[in-house]
């Protein structure tokens, strides 16, 4: 049960205020779709995304050690952040 709560809280806190949550809030705020549809569609998307991540992580652990996998994931976040920053700062 401790492992479940650790995973739940880690993912929940990581999702707070991220692009997915903001996009979901924007879809709901537009008002041209029922809130239940926004909730259901975004929930299904998150479940599918988590499923793919779980499969990828299970596959990766057979080929990459834990610390190296964390370094690769961290580097990926840095690269994505750099692209986002570059896109925001480049002249229109």
N, C-alpha and C. Protein backbone atom coordinates (compact mmCIF):
# COMPACT_ATOMS: atom_id res chain seq x y z
N UNK A 1 0.82 -1.20 0.00
CA UNK A 1 0.00 0.00 0.00
C UNK A 1 0.86 1.26 0.00
N UNK A 2 2.01 1.20 0.69
CA UNK A 2 2.92 2.34 0.73
C UNK A 2 3.44 2.64 -0.68
N UNK A 3 3.77 1.59 -1.44
CA UNK A 3 4.26 1.80 -2.81
C UNK A 3 3.19 2.46 -3.67
N UNK A 4 1.95 2.02 -3.53
CA UNK A 4 0.85 2.61 -4.29
C UNK A 4 0.70 4.09 -3.97
N UNK A 5 0.69 4.43 -2.68
CA UNK A 5 0.55 5.83 -2.28
C UNK A 5 1.73 6.68 -2.73
N UNK A 6 2.93 6.12 -2.68
CA UNK A 6 4.11 6.85 -3.14
C UNK A 6 4.00 7.17 -4.62
N UNK A 7 3.62 6.18 -5.42
CA UNK A 7 3.46 6.40 -6.86
C UNK A 7 2.34 7.39 -7.12
N UNK A 8 1.19 7.20 -6.47
CA UNK A 8 0.05 8.09 -6.66
C UNK A 8 0.42 9.54 -6.35
N UNK A 9 1.00 9.77 -5.18
CA UNK A 9 1.32 11.13 -4.78
C UNK A 9 2.40 11.75 -5.67
N UNK A 10 3.38 10.96 -6.07
CA UNK A 10 4.44 11.47 -6.95
C UNK A 10 3.87 11.92 -8.28
N UNK A 11 3.04 11.09 -8.89
CA UNK A 11 2.45 11.44 -10.18
C UNK A 11 1.45 12.58 -10.02
N UNK A 12 0.65 12.55 -8.98
CA UNK A 12 -0.34 13.60 -8.75
C UNK A 12 0.33 14.96 -8.61
N UNK A 13 1.38 15.04 -7.80
CA UNK A 13 2.08 16.31 -7.60
C UNK A 13 2.78 16.74 -8.90
N UNK A 14 3.34 15.78 -9.62
CA UNK A 14 4.02 16.11 -10.89
C UNK A 14 3.04 16.66 -11.92
N UNK A 15 1.80 16.20 -11.88
CA UNK A 15 0.79 16.64 -12.85
C UNK A 15 0.19 18.00 -12.52
N UNK A 16 0.31 18.44 -11.27
CA UNK A 16 -0.31 19.72 -10.89
C UNK A 16 0.31 20.87 -11.68
N UNK A 17 -0.53 21.58 -12.40
CA UNK A 17 -0.07 22.75 -13.13
C UNK A 17 0.71 22.46 -14.40
N UNK A 18 0.76 21.22 -14.85
CA UNK A 18 1.50 20.93 -16.08
C UNK A 18 0.63 21.22 -17.30
N UNK A 19 1.21 21.06 -18.47
CA UNK A 19 0.50 21.38 -19.71
C UNK A 19 -0.77 20.57 -19.87
N UNK A 20 -0.77 19.32 -19.44
CA UNK A 20 -1.96 18.48 -19.56
C UNK A 20 -3.10 19.05 -18.74
N UNK A 21 -2.82 19.42 -17.52
CA UNK A 21 -3.86 19.97 -16.66
C UNK A 21 -4.36 21.31 -17.19
N UNK A 22 -3.45 22.13 -17.68
CA UNK A 22 -3.86 23.42 -18.24
C UNK A 22 -4.71 23.24 -19.49
N UNK A 23 -4.33 22.29 -20.35
CA UNK A 23 -5.13 22.03 -21.56
C UNK A 23 -6.52 21.54 -21.18
N UNK A 24 -6.60 20.67 -20.20
CA UNK A 24 -7.90 20.17 -19.75
C UNK A 24 -8.75 21.30 -19.21
N UNK A 25 -8.16 22.19 -18.41
CA UNK A 25 -8.89 23.33 -17.87
C UNK A 25 -9.38 24.24 -19.00
N UNK A 26 -8.54 24.43 -20.02
CA UNK A 26 -8.95 25.27 -21.15
C UNK A 26 -10.11 24.64 -21.92
N UNK A 27 -10.05 23.33 -22.15
CA UNK A 27 -11.17 22.67 -22.82
C UNK A 27 -12.46 22.83 -22.02
N UNK A 28 -12.36 22.69 -20.72
CA UNK A 28 -13.55 22.82 -19.88
C UNK A 28 -14.05 24.27 -19.86
N UNK A 29 -13.13 25.23 -19.90
CA UNK A 29 -13.51 26.64 -19.82
C UNK A 29 -14.16 27.14 -21.11
N UNK A 30 -13.86 26.50 -22.23
CA UNK A 30 -14.43 26.95 -23.50
C UNK A 30 -15.95 26.87 -23.49
N UNK A 31 -16.50 25.91 -22.76
CA UNK A 31 -17.93 25.83 -22.56
C UNK A 31 -18.74 25.23 -23.70
N UNK A 32 -18.08 24.84 -24.79
CA UNK A 32 -18.85 24.26 -25.89
C UNK A 32 -18.90 22.73 -25.82
N UNK A 33 -18.39 22.16 -24.75
CA UNK A 33 -18.47 20.71 -24.52
C UNK A 33 -18.90 20.48 -23.08
N UNK A 34 -19.60 19.40 -22.86
CA UNK A 34 -20.00 19.10 -21.47
C UNK A 34 -18.78 18.76 -20.61
N UNK A 35 -18.77 19.21 -19.36
CA UNK A 35 -17.63 18.91 -18.48
C UNK A 35 -17.35 17.42 -18.34
N UNK A 36 -18.38 16.58 -18.32
CA UNK A 36 -18.16 15.14 -18.19
C UNK A 36 -17.36 14.61 -19.37
N UNK A 37 -17.57 15.18 -20.57
CA UNK A 37 -16.82 14.73 -21.74
C UNK A 37 -15.34 15.12 -21.63
N UNK A 38 -15.09 16.34 -21.15
CA UNK A 38 -13.71 16.79 -20.95
C UNK A 38 -13.03 15.88 -19.93
N UNK A 39 -13.72 15.61 -18.82
CA UNK A 39 -13.14 14.76 -17.78
C UNK A 39 -12.87 13.35 -18.31
N UNK A 40 -13.84 12.76 -18.99
CA UNK A 40 -13.69 11.40 -19.48
C UNK A 40 -12.58 11.30 -20.52
N UNK A 41 -12.56 12.22 -21.47
CA UNK A 41 -11.54 12.18 -22.52
C UNK A 41 -10.14 12.40 -21.95
N UNK A 42 -9.99 13.38 -21.05
CA UNK A 42 -8.67 13.63 -20.49
C UNK A 42 -8.24 12.49 -19.57
N UNK A 43 -9.17 11.90 -18.84
CA UNK A 43 -8.84 10.75 -17.99
C UNK A 43 -8.37 9.56 -18.82
N UNK A 44 -9.09 9.29 -19.91
CA UNK A 44 -8.71 8.17 -20.78
C UNK A 44 -7.33 8.42 -21.41
N UNK A 45 -7.06 9.67 -21.79
CA UNK A 45 -5.76 10.00 -22.36
C UNK A 45 -4.64 9.78 -21.34
N UNK A 46 -4.88 10.19 -20.08
CA UNK A 46 -3.87 9.99 -19.05
C UNK A 46 -3.64 8.51 -18.74
N UNK A 47 -4.72 7.73 -18.74
CA UNK A 47 -4.58 6.28 -18.51
C UNK A 47 -3.78 5.65 -19.64
N UNK A 48 -4.09 6.02 -20.90
CA UNK A 48 -3.36 5.47 -22.04
C UNK A 48 -1.90 5.88 -21.99
N UNK A 49 -1.63 7.13 -21.65
CA UNK A 49 -0.26 7.62 -21.54
C UNK A 49 0.51 6.89 -20.44
N UNK A 50 -0.14 6.69 -19.29
CA UNK A 50 0.50 5.97 -18.18
C UNK A 50 0.74 4.51 -18.57
N UNK A 51 -0.18 3.93 -19.33
CA UNK A 51 0.01 2.55 -19.79
C UNK A 51 1.22 2.43 -20.69
N UNK A 52 1.35 3.36 -21.64
CA UNK A 52 2.52 3.34 -22.53
C UNK A 52 3.82 3.54 -21.75
N UNK A 53 3.79 4.47 -20.79
CA UNK A 53 4.98 4.72 -19.97
C UNK A 53 5.35 3.50 -19.15
N UNK A 54 4.36 2.79 -18.62
CA UNK A 54 4.61 1.59 -17.83
C UNK A 54 5.24 0.49 -18.70
N UNK A 55 4.70 0.31 -19.89
CA UNK A 55 5.25 -0.69 -20.81
C UNK A 55 6.68 -0.31 -21.20
N UNK A 56 6.89 0.96 -21.55
CA UNK A 56 8.24 1.41 -21.93
C UNK A 56 9.22 1.24 -20.77
N UNK A 57 8.79 1.62 -19.56
CA UNK A 57 9.66 1.48 -18.40
C UNK A 57 9.99 0.03 -18.08
N UNK A 58 9.01 -0.85 -18.22
CA UNK A 58 9.25 -2.27 -17.98
C UNK A 58 10.22 -2.84 -19.00
N UNK A 59 10.09 -2.39 -20.24
CA UNK A 59 10.98 -2.83 -21.31
C UNK A 59 12.39 -2.28 -21.08
N UNK A 60 12.48 -0.99 -20.72
CA UNK A 60 13.77 -0.34 -20.55
C UNK A 60 14.57 -0.93 -19.40
N UNK A 61 13.90 -1.38 -18.35
CA UNK A 61 14.65 -1.88 -17.19
C UNK A 61 15.45 -3.13 -17.51
N UNK A 62 15.07 -3.83 -18.58
CA UNK A 62 15.82 -5.01 -18.99
C UNK A 62 17.12 -4.64 -19.70
N UNK A 63 17.24 -3.39 -20.14
CA UNK A 63 18.40 -2.98 -20.93
C UNK A 63 19.22 -1.87 -20.30
N UNK A 64 18.61 -1.11 -19.38
CA UNK A 64 19.28 0.05 -18.81
C UNK A 64 19.15 0.00 -17.29
N UNK A 65 20.26 0.27 -16.60
CA UNK A 65 20.26 0.30 -15.14
C UNK A 65 19.46 1.51 -14.64
N UNK A 66 18.90 1.41 -13.45
CA UNK A 66 18.07 2.46 -12.86
C UNK A 66 18.69 3.84 -12.86
N UNK A 67 19.91 4.01 -12.32
CA UNK A 67 20.51 5.35 -12.30
C UNK A 67 20.70 5.94 -13.71
N UNK A 68 21.11 5.12 -14.66
CA UNK A 68 21.29 5.61 -16.02
C UNK A 68 19.95 6.03 -16.63
N UNK A 69 18.92 5.26 -16.33
CA UNK A 69 17.59 5.59 -16.84
C UNK A 69 17.13 6.94 -16.28
N UNK A 70 17.43 7.21 -15.02
CA UNK A 70 17.07 8.50 -14.41
C UNK A 70 17.84 9.64 -15.07
N UNK A 71 19.10 9.40 -15.39
CA UNK A 71 19.90 10.42 -16.07
C UNK A 71 19.34 10.69 -17.46
N UNK A 72 18.98 9.64 -18.18
CA UNK A 72 18.41 9.80 -19.52
C UNK A 72 17.09 10.56 -19.45
N UNK A 73 16.24 10.21 -18.49
CA UNK A 73 14.96 10.90 -18.33
C UNK A 73 15.18 12.37 -17.98
N UNK A 74 16.10 12.64 -17.07
CA UNK A 74 16.41 14.02 -16.70
C UNK A 74 16.93 14.82 -17.88
N UNK A 75 17.81 14.22 -18.67
CA UNK A 75 18.33 14.89 -19.86
C UNK A 75 17.21 15.17 -20.85
N UNK A 76 16.28 14.23 -20.97
CA UNK A 76 15.14 14.43 -21.86
C UNK A 76 14.31 15.63 -21.43
N UNK A 77 14.08 15.77 -20.12
CA UNK A 77 13.34 16.92 -19.61
C UNK A 77 14.08 18.23 -19.91
N UNK A 78 15.40 18.21 -19.76
CA UNK A 78 16.19 19.41 -20.04
C UNK A 78 16.08 19.79 -21.51
N UNK A 79 16.17 18.80 -22.40
CA UNK A 79 16.06 19.06 -23.84
C UNK A 79 14.68 19.62 -24.19
N UNK A 80 13.64 19.00 -23.66
CA UNK A 80 12.28 19.49 -23.92
C UNK A 80 12.12 20.92 -23.40
N UNK A 81 12.62 21.18 -22.20
CA UNK A 81 12.55 22.53 -21.63
C UNK A 81 13.31 23.54 -22.47
N UNK A 82 14.48 23.14 -22.98
CA UNK A 82 15.27 24.04 -23.83
C UNK A 82 14.51 24.38 -25.11
N UNK A 83 13.89 23.38 -25.73
CA UNK A 83 13.09 23.63 -26.94
C UNK A 83 11.92 24.56 -26.65
N UNK A 84 11.26 24.36 -25.52
CA UNK A 84 10.14 25.23 -25.16
C UNK A 84 10.62 26.65 -24.92
N UNK A 85 11.74 26.80 -24.22
CA UNK A 85 12.29 28.12 -23.95
C UNK A 85 12.71 28.79 -25.25
N UNK A 86 13.36 28.06 -26.13
CA UNK A 86 13.81 28.60 -27.42
C UNK A 86 12.61 29.05 -28.23
N UNK A 87 11.53 28.24 -28.26
CA UNK A 87 10.33 28.61 -28.98
C UNK A 87 9.67 29.85 -28.44
N UNK A 88 9.71 30.01 -27.12
CA UNK A 88 9.09 31.18 -26.50
C UNK A 88 9.91 32.44 -26.72
N UNK A 89 11.22 32.31 -26.84
CA UNK A 89 12.08 33.48 -26.96
C UNK A 89 12.42 33.87 -28.39
N UNK A 90 12.20 32.98 -29.35
CA UNK A 90 12.57 33.33 -30.73
C UNK A 90 11.61 34.40 -31.26
N UNK A 91 12.12 35.28 -32.09
CA UNK A 91 11.28 36.36 -32.62
C UNK A 91 10.11 35.82 -33.44
N UNK A 92 8.98 36.50 -33.35
CA UNK A 92 7.77 36.06 -34.05
C UNK A 92 7.84 36.28 -35.53
